[in-house]
Amino acid sequence: MAIRHRHFPRNRIPLSETFEAWILFASIALSVWLIKSNALPPLIAHVSQFDVVGSFVEGFFFTSILTTIPAIIAILESARYVPAWELALIGGFGAVCGDLLVFRFVRSKLVEHILGAALHPRLVRLGKAITVSPLWWLGPVFGALVIASPLPDEIGLIMMGLSHIRLWQFVPIAFIANATGIFLMSLVAQGLS
């Protein structure tokens, strides 16, 4: 007598989302290692000795929740000998490159699954309703304000990513927001020195 196997439909996670989850896990593990080993502050301090490369690296690290504070310290230190406009221009470009890496993940289905699991369903529905309403522009505006502030960019990137902003719209907004934030910090540092 042959045994009949019932075929149950499987809820498989697409390969792209699995790959993104592993990259996210690896980047978190690397960030935790950088913090625990105290390797990041000396690295930023060493690189910041070179004006252009240092400004780019400081801007790049200005974007992440795990590296924002050392990057702000390095930017404030660099503002003593690098003109504010130059630091903002090059640092803004570095920050956009860092934001693009995060923005890629923010727009993925993986983040939608994570937010769906972490947030109350009513909050998720409210967010979706806002993105298709006449108030769709609130996400990018508040996202740009968060990006310009010393707060980690992930919050602003999530707001912008969920508003379904296009990449060609995101890049100039992120550059202007980051460059403005770095410029204002540089002016404050120069005023205090």
Protein backbone atom coordinates (compact mmCIF):
# COMPACT_ATOMS: atom_id res chain seq x y z
CA MET A 1 0.00 0.00 0.00
CA ALA A 2 1.51 3.28 -1.09
CA ILE A 3 1.61 6.09 1.41
CA ARG A 4 0.12 9.26 0.09
CA HIS A 5 1.85 12.44 1.11
CA ARG A 6 -0.22 15.51 1.48
CA HIS A 7 1.39 18.55 -0.02
CA PHE A 8 0.96 21.58 2.17
CA PRO A 9 1.64 24.96 0.65
CA ARG A 10 4.83 26.39 2.04
CA ASN A 11 5.29 30.01 2.85
CA ARG A 12 8.74 30.38 1.45
CA ILE A 13 10.68 33.56 1.87
CA PRO A 14 12.05 34.72 -1.47
CA LEU A 15 15.80 34.31 -1.96
CA SER A 16 16.34 38.07 -2.24
CA GLU A 17 14.79 38.66 1.19
CA THR A 18 16.86 35.85 2.71
CA PHE A 19 20.02 37.38 1.22
CA GLU A 20 19.04 40.82 2.59
CA ALA A 21 18.43 39.32 6.03
CA TRP A 22 21.91 37.77 6.04
CA ILE A 23 23.51 41.05 4.95
CA LEU A 24 21.58 42.88 7.67
CA PHE A 25 22.73 40.32 10.24
CA ALA A 26 26.35 40.57 9.06
CA SER A 27 26.31 44.38 9.14
CA ILE A 28 24.87 44.38 12.68
CA ALA A 29 27.51 41.86 13.79
CA LEU A 30 30.27 43.98 12.19
CA SER A 31 28.93 47.14 13.84
CA VAL A 32 28.78 45.46 17.26
CA TRP A 33 32.34 44.21 16.78
CA LEU A 34 33.54 47.72 15.80
CA ILE A 35 31.95 49.17 18.93
CA LYS A 36 33.15 46.43 21.30
CA SER A 37 36.70 46.48 19.92
CA ASN A 38 36.90 50.30 20.01
CA ALA A 39 38.35 50.15 16.49
CA LEU A 40 36.07 52.85 15.05
CA PRO A 41 37.22 56.02 16.89
CA PRO A 42 40.94 55.50 16.07
CA LEU A 43 40.04 54.66 12.45
CA ILE A 44 37.98 57.84 12.05
CA ALA A 45 40.67 59.89 13.82
CA HIS A 46 43.37 58.50 11.52
CA VAL A 47 41.37 59.06 8.33
CA SER A 48 40.28 62.56 9.36
CA GLN A 49 43.91 63.70 9.05
CA PHE A 50 43.36 63.75 5.29
CA ASP A 51 40.98 66.58 4.41
CA VAL A 52 39.05 65.19 1.43
CA VAL A 53 39.14 61.50 2.34
CA GLY A 54 38.50 62.30 5.99
CA SER A 55 35.50 64.49 5.20
CA PHE A 56 34.05 61.76 2.97
CA VAL A 57 34.54 59.04 5.61
CA GLU A 58 33.13 61.25 8.37
CA GLY A 59 30.06 61.91 6.24
CA PHE A 60 29.71 58.21 5.41
CA PHE A 61 29.73 57.25 9.10
CA PHE A 62 27.46 60.19 10.00
CA THR A 63 24.48 58.21 8.69
CA SER A 64 24.34 55.08 10.83
CA ILE A 65 22.89 54.74 14.31
CA LEU A 66 25.98 52.84 15.44
CA THR A 67 28.55 55.30 14.07
CA THR A 68 26.84 58.69 14.33
CA ILE A 69 28.45 59.81 17.60
CA PRO A 70 32.10 59.07 16.61
CA ALA A 71 31.44 60.70 13.22
CA ILE A 72 29.98 63.83 14.84
CA ILE A 73 33.04 64.10 17.08
CA ALA A 74 35.31 63.71 14.04
CA ILE A 75 33.31 66.32 12.07
CA LEU A 76 33.54 68.79 14.96
CA GLU A 77 37.28 68.17 15.18
CA SER A 78 37.78 68.52 11.41
CA ALA A 79 35.80 71.78 11.40
CA ARG A 80 38.75 73.41 13.17
CA TYR A 81 40.97 73.17 10.08
CA VAL A 82 38.67 72.35 7.14
CA PRO A 83 36.38 75.09 5.74
CA ALA A 84 32.73 74.46 6.65
CA TRP A 85 31.56 74.55 3.02
CA GLU A 86 34.18 71.95 1.99
CA LEU A 87 33.39 69.68 4.91
CA ALA A 88 29.66 69.95 4.11
CA LEU A 89 30.11 69.32 0.39
CA ILE A 90 32.41 66.30 0.66
CA GLY A 91 30.84 64.99 3.87
CA GLY A 92 27.37 65.34 2.31
CA PHE A 93 28.50 63.21 -0.63
CA GLY A 94 29.89 60.56 1.75
CA ALA A 95 26.67 60.63 3.77
CA VAL A 96 24.59 60.08 0.61
CA CYS A 97 26.72 57.03 -0.21
CA GLY A 98 26.08 55.67 3.29
CA ASP A 99 22.38 56.51 3.05
CA LEU A 100 22.08 54.71 -0.30
CA LEU A 101 23.26 51.48 1.33
CA VAL A 102 20.65 51.82 4.08
CA PHE A 103 17.95 53.11 1.69
CA ARG A 104 18.31 49.93 -0.39
CA PHE A 105 17.32 47.84 2.63
CA VAL A 106 14.61 50.23 3.81
CA ARG A 107 12.74 49.76 0.53
CA SER A 108 12.96 45.97 0.66
CA LYS A 109 10.18 43.59 1.60
CA LEU A 110 12.30 42.46 4.54
CA VAL A 111 11.84 45.83 6.28
CA GLU A 112 8.11 45.70 5.58
CA HIS A 113 7.99 42.29 7.30
CA ILE A 114 10.03 43.61 10.26
CA LEU A 115 7.87 46.72 10.66
CA GLY A 116 4.71 44.66 10.27
CA ALA A 117 5.86 42.39 13.08
CA ALA A 118 7.14 45.19 15.32
CA LEU A 119 4.37 47.77 14.96
CA HIS A 120 0.72 47.64 15.88
CA PRO A 121 -1.46 46.81 12.82
CA ARG A 122 -3.36 50.10 13.17
CA LEU A 123 -0.11 52.03 12.97
CA VAL A 124 0.91 50.11 9.86
CA ARG A 125 -2.47 50.84 8.24
CA LEU A 126 -2.18 54.52 9.16
CA GLY A 127 1.27 54.70 7.56
CA LYS A 128 0.02 53.04 4.38
CA ALA A 129 -2.99 55.37 4.27
CA ILE A 130 -0.77 58.44 4.55
CA THR A 131 1.50 57.28 1.70
CA VAL A 132 -1.44 57.17 -0.74
CA SER A 133 -3.21 60.29 0.55
CA PRO A 134 -2.66 63.93 -0.39
CA LEU A 135 -0.34 64.08 2.64
CA TRP A 136 2.18 61.69 1.03
CA TRP A 137 4.82 64.44 1.17
CA LEU A 138 4.95 64.32 4.99
CA GLY A 139 7.19 61.23 4.96
CA PRO A 140 9.90 62.75 2.77
CA VAL A 141 9.77 66.12 4.57
CA PHE A 142 10.06 64.67 8.08
CA GLY A 143 12.61 62.15 6.78
CA ALA A 144 14.77 64.97 5.38
CA LEU A 145 14.54 66.84 8.70
CA VAL A 146 15.73 63.75 10.58
CA ILE A 147 18.55 63.24 8.07
CA ALA A 148 19.68 66.86 8.50
CA SER A 149 19.68 66.52 12.29
CA PRO A 150 22.39 64.76 14.31
CA LEU A 151 19.90 61.92 14.85
CA PRO A 152 20.73 58.64 13.08
CA ASP A 153 19.49 58.62 9.49
CA GLU A 154 17.71 55.26 9.69
CA ILE A 155 14.55 56.83 11.09
CA GLY A 156 14.40 59.40 8.30
CA LEU A 157 15.27 56.78 5.69
CA ILE A 158 12.42 54.56 6.86
CA MET A 159 10.04 57.53 6.53
CA MET A 160 11.31 58.28 3.04
CA GLY A 161 11.43 54.64 1.96
CA LEU A 162 7.89 53.90 3.05
CA SER A 163 6.65 56.97 1.18
CA HIS A 164 7.82 55.23 -2.03
CA ILE A 165 10.06 58.14 -3.02
CA ARG A 166 12.04 57.40 -6.16
CA LEU A 167 15.82 57.09 -6.09
CA TRP A 168 16.33 60.11 -8.36
CA GLN A 169 14.27 62.16 -5.87
CA PHE A 170 15.95 60.69 -2.82
CA VAL A 171 19.58 61.43 -3.77
CA PRO A 172 19.35 65.25 -4.00
CA ILE A 173 17.10 65.48 -0.92
CA ALA A 174 19.51 63.32 1.11
CA PHE A 175 22.53 65.28 -0.12
CA ILE A 176 21.01 68.67 0.73
CA ALA A 177 19.81 67.43 4.15
CA ASN A 178 23.15 65.83 5.08
CA ALA A 179 25.25 68.70 3.75
CA THR A 180 23.09 71.21 5.64
CA GLY A 181 23.42 69.25 8.89
CA ILE A 182 27.21 68.91 8.53
CA PHE A 183 27.55 72.60 7.54
CA LEU A 184 25.61 73.78 10.60
CA MET A 185 27.63 71.52 12.92
CA SER A 186 30.84 72.85 11.36
CA LEU A 187 29.74 76.45 11.89
CA VAL A 188 28.90 75.73 15.54
CA ALA A 189 32.30 74.06 16.06
CA GLN A 190 34.12 76.96 14.39
CA GLY A 191 32.17 79.45 16.49
CA LEU A 192 33.11 77.65 19.71
CA SER A 193 36.81 77.39 18.86
